[in-house]
Amino acid sequence: MKVLKILSSILLITLAVSASAGQVVVRKSSEPFDAFAVRDEVQRLHEWREALRYQQQIQILQSLPFGCVPFAVPYRYFSCHGLFYRPYGFHNKELFIQIDPPVKKAPKVPLN
């Protein structure tokens, strides 16, 4: 009977100690912080990963061919002789994944 109580106590302590809440970021309250910008960035990264996951054929290069032109809008990518590549960090290396041609969004016009 005592052994059962000891084992159940150990199990309960193990479960309580092993619980985690995920990543916790601590910052000073005096530092500026935009929660909406963080949310938007996380959403963009999630959409990028989902697009990679659903892409049928993924062409990955370890280095870009000669003569590629870098672009920064709507996100960072490279144009190489009619093909488009986006940099992607993997195991502390920068790889380049072929993407569909980026669509540039039209500027917003304020309504009067």
C-alpha atoms as a PDB file:
ATOM      1  CA  MET A   1       0.000   0.000   0.000  1.00  0.00           C
ATOM      2  CA  LYS A   2       2.823   2.413   0.882  1.00  0.00           C
ATOM      3  CA  VAL A   3       4.590   1.552  -2.375  1.00  0.00           C
ATOM      4  CA  LEU A   4       1.473   2.479  -4.349  1.00  0.00           C
ATOM      5  CA  LYS A   5       1.225   5.844  -2.594  1.00  0.00           C
ATOM      6  CA  ILE A   6       4.925   6.539  -3.192  1.00  0.00           C
ATOM      7  CA  LEU A   7       4.665   5.624  -6.886  1.00  0.00           C
ATOM      8  CA  SER A   8       1.555   7.751  -7.378  1.00  0.00           C
ATOM      9  CA  SER A   9       3.281  10.678  -5.610  1.00  0.00           C
ATOM     10  CA  ILE A  10       6.325  10.336  -7.859  1.00  0.00           C
ATOM     11  CA  LEU A  11       4.094  10.193 -10.931  1.00  0.00           C
ATOM     12  CA  LEU A  12       2.197  13.303  -9.845  1.00  0.00           C
ATOM     13  CA  ILE A  13       5.433  15.227  -9.189  1.00  0.00           C
ATOM     14  CA  THR A  14       6.850  14.152 -12.570  1.00  0.00           C
ATOM     15  CA  LEU A  15       3.736  15.357 -14.389  1.00  0.00           C
ATOM     16  CA  ALA A  16       3.735  18.666 -12.539  1.00  0.00           C
ATOM     17  CA  VAL A  17       7.416  19.323 -13.292  1.00  0.00           C
ATOM     18  CA  SER A  18       7.262  18.301 -16.958  1.00  0.00           C
ATOM     19  CA  ALA A  19       4.406  20.674 -17.880  1.00  0.00           C
ATOM     20  CA  SER A  20       5.522  23.594 -20.018  1.00  0.00           C
ATOM     21  CA  ALA A  21       3.817  26.650 -21.466  1.00  0.00           C
ATOM     22  CA  GLY A  22       5.966  27.080 -24.567  1.00  0.00           C
ATOM     23  CA  GLN A  23       8.285  29.978 -25.294  1.00  0.00           C
ATOM     24  CA  VAL A  24       8.191  32.834 -22.791  1.00  0.00           C
ATOM     25  CA  VAL A  25       9.747  36.192 -23.674  1.00  0.00           C
ATOM     26  CA  VAL A  26      10.600  38.644 -20.914  1.00  0.00           C
ATOM     27  CA  ARG A  27      11.141  42.313 -21.699  1.00  0.00           C
ATOM     28  CA  LYS A  28      11.255  45.604 -19.865  1.00  0.00           C
ATOM     29  CA  SER A  29       8.015  47.541 -19.781  1.00  0.00           C
ATOM     30  CA  SER A  30       9.912  50.656 -20.871  1.00  0.00           C
ATOM     31  CA  GLU A  31      10.860  49.038 -24.221  1.00  0.00           C
ATOM     32  CA  PRO A  32       8.466  49.709 -27.110  1.00  0.00           C
ATOM     33  CA  PHE A  33       6.543  46.623 -28.218  1.00  0.00           C
ATOM     34  CA  ASP A  34       4.026  46.132 -30.994  1.00  0.00           C
ATOM     35  CA  ALA A  35       2.090  42.918 -30.381  1.00  0.00           C
ATOM     36  CA  PHE A  36       0.240  43.272 -33.668  1.00  0.00           C
ATOM     37  CA  ALA A  37       3.500  43.417 -35.651  1.00  0.00           C
ATOM     38  CA  VAL A  38       4.693  40.256 -33.918  1.00  0.00           C
ATOM     39  CA  ARG A  39       1.369  38.555 -34.671  1.00  0.00           C
ATOM     40  CA  ASP A  40       1.567  39.585 -38.341  1.00  0.00           C
ATOM     41  CA  GLU A  41       5.150  38.330 -38.672  1.00  0.00           C
ATOM     42  CA  VAL A  42       4.244  34.966 -37.133  1.00  0.00           C
ATOM     43  CA  GLN A  43       1.307  34.713 -39.520  1.00  0.00           C
ATOM     44  CA  ARG A  44       3.522  35.522 -42.545  1.00  0.00           C
ATOM     45  CA  LEU A  45       6.047  32.873 -41.500  1.00  0.00           C
ATOM     46  CA  HIS A  46       3.270  30.329 -41.034  1.00  0.00           C
ATOM     47  CA  GLU A  47       1.828  31.093 -44.479  1.00  0.00           C
ATOM     48  CA  TRP A  48       5.308  30.767 -46.029  1.00  0.00           C
ATOM     49  CA  ARG A  49       5.869  27.365 -44.397  1.00  0.00           C
ATOM     50  CA  GLU A  50       2.421  26.171 -45.479  1.00  0.00           C
ATOM     51  CA  ALA A  51       3.087  27.282 -49.065  1.00  0.00           C
ATOM     52  CA  LEU A  52       6.312  25.296 -49.055  1.00  0.00           C
ATOM     53  CA  ARG A  53       4.553  22.268 -47.648  1.00  0.00           C
ATOM     54  CA  TYR A  54       1.825  22.313 -50.302  1.00  0.00           C
ATOM     55  CA  GLN A  55       4.097  23.011 -53.246  1.00  0.00           C
ATOM     56  CA  GLN A  56       4.194  19.921 -55.495  1.00  0.00           C
ATOM     57  CA  GLN A  57       7.771  20.169 -56.739  1.00  0.00           C
ATOM     58  CA  ILE A  58      10.272  21.965 -54.579  1.00  0.00           C
ATOM     59  CA  GLN A  59      13.552  22.894 -56.197  1.00  0.00           C
ATOM     60  CA  ILE A  60      16.194  23.727 -53.599  1.00  0.00           C
ATOM     61  CA  LEU A  61      19.549  25.296 -54.460  1.00  0.00           C
ATOM     62  CA  GLN A  62      22.550  25.627 -52.165  1.00  0.00           C
ATOM     63  CA  SER A  63      23.794  28.631 -54.130  1.00  0.00           C
ATOM     64  CA  LEU A  64      22.187  30.888 -56.695  1.00  0.00           C
ATOM     65  CA  PRO A  65      23.311  30.874 -60.330  1.00  0.00           C
ATOM     66  CA  PHE A  66      25.374  33.788 -61.626  1.00  0.00           C
ATOM     67  CA  GLY A  67      23.427  36.900 -62.644  1.00  0.00           C
ATOM     68  CA  CYS A  68      20.519  36.768 -60.197  1.00  0.00           C
ATOM     69  CA  VAL A  69      18.853  40.066 -59.316  1.00  0.00           C
ATOM     70  CA  PRO A  70      17.774  40.635 -55.674  1.00  0.00           C
ATOM     71  CA  PHE A  71      14.387  42.164 -54.806  1.00  0.00           C
ATOM     72  CA  ALA A  72      12.953  43.211 -51.437  1.00  0.00           C
ATOM     73  CA  VAL A  73       9.262  43.844 -52.248  1.00  0.00           C
ATOM     74  CA  PRO A  74       6.809  42.229 -51.439  1.00  0.00           C
ATOM     75  CA  TYR A  75       9.406  40.089 -49.591  1.00  0.00           C
ATOM     76  CA  ARG A  76      13.076  39.188 -50.111  1.00  0.00           C
ATOM     77  CA  TYR A  77      13.579  37.067 -53.248  1.00  0.00           C
ATOM     78  CA  PHE A  78      15.862  36.674 -56.276  1.00  0.00           C
ATOM     79  CA  SER A  79      15.080  36.633 -59.981  1.00  0.00           C
ATOM     80  CA  CYS A  80      17.366  34.297 -61.930  1.00  0.00           C
ATOM     81  CA  HIS A  81      16.822  34.060 -65.705  1.00  0.00           C
ATOM     82  CA  GLY A  82      13.012  33.865 -65.418  1.00  0.00           C
ATOM     83  CA  LEU A  83      12.989  31.693 -62.267  1.00  0.00           C
ATOM     84  CA  PHE A  84      12.389  33.055 -58.781  1.00  0.00           C
ATOM     85  CA  TYR A  85      14.019  31.925 -55.532  1.00  0.00           C
ATOM     86  CA  ARG A  86      13.469  32.843 -51.911  1.00  0.00           C
ATOM     87  CA  PRO A  87      16.135  32.412 -49.206  1.00  0.00           C
ATOM     88  CA  TYR A  88      15.348  29.955 -46.429  1.00  0.00           C
ATOM     89  CA  GLY A  89      17.467  29.234 -43.357  1.00  0.00           C
ATOM     90  CA  PHE A  90      18.022  25.526 -42.640  1.00  0.00           C
ATOM     91  CA  HIS A  91      20.556  24.103 -40.160  1.00  0.00           C
ATOM     92  CA  ASN A  92      22.500  27.392 -40.064  1.00  0.00           C
ATOM     93  CA  LYS A  93      22.770  27.454 -43.877  1.00  0.00           C
ATOM     94  CA  GLU A  94      20.949  29.645 -46.358  1.00  0.00           C
ATOM     95  CA  LEU A  95      19.211  27.610 -49.050  1.00  0.00           C
ATOM     96  CA  PHE A  96      17.196  28.980 -51.945  1.00  0.00           C
ATOM     97  CA  ILE A  97      13.788  27.533 -52.754  1.00  0.00           C
ATOM     98  CA  GLN A  98      12.102  28.074 -56.101  1.00  0.00           C
ATOM     99  CA  ILE A  99       8.847  30.016 -55.806  1.00  0.00           C
ATOM    100  CA  ASP A 100       6.098  31.177 -58.120  1.00  0.00           C
ATOM    101  CA  PRO A 101       6.546  34.695 -59.532  1.00  0.00           C
ATOM    102  CA  PRO A 102       5.756  37.170 -56.721  1.00  0.00           C
ATOM    103  CA  VAL A 103       2.668  39.328 -57.135  1.00  0.00           C
ATOM    104  CA  LYS A 104       3.239  42.930 -56.177  1.00  0.00           C
ATOM    105  CA  LYS A 105       0.301  44.474 -54.380  1.00  0.00           C
ATOM    106  CA  ALA A 106      -1.126  47.715 -55.692  1.00  0.00           C
ATOM    107  CA  PRO A 107      -0.628  50.684 -53.356  1.00  0.00           C
ATOM    108  CA  LYS A 108      -3.618  51.600 -51.230  1.00  0.00           C
ATOM    109  CA  VAL A 109      -5.397  54.787 -52.233  1.00  0.00           C
ATOM    110  CA  PRO A 110      -6.994  56.744 -49.381  1.00  0.00           C
ATOM    111  CA  LEU A 111     -10.737  57.280 -49.649  1.00  0.00           C
ATOM    112  CA  ASN A 112     -12.033  60.819 -49.274  1.00  0.00           C
END
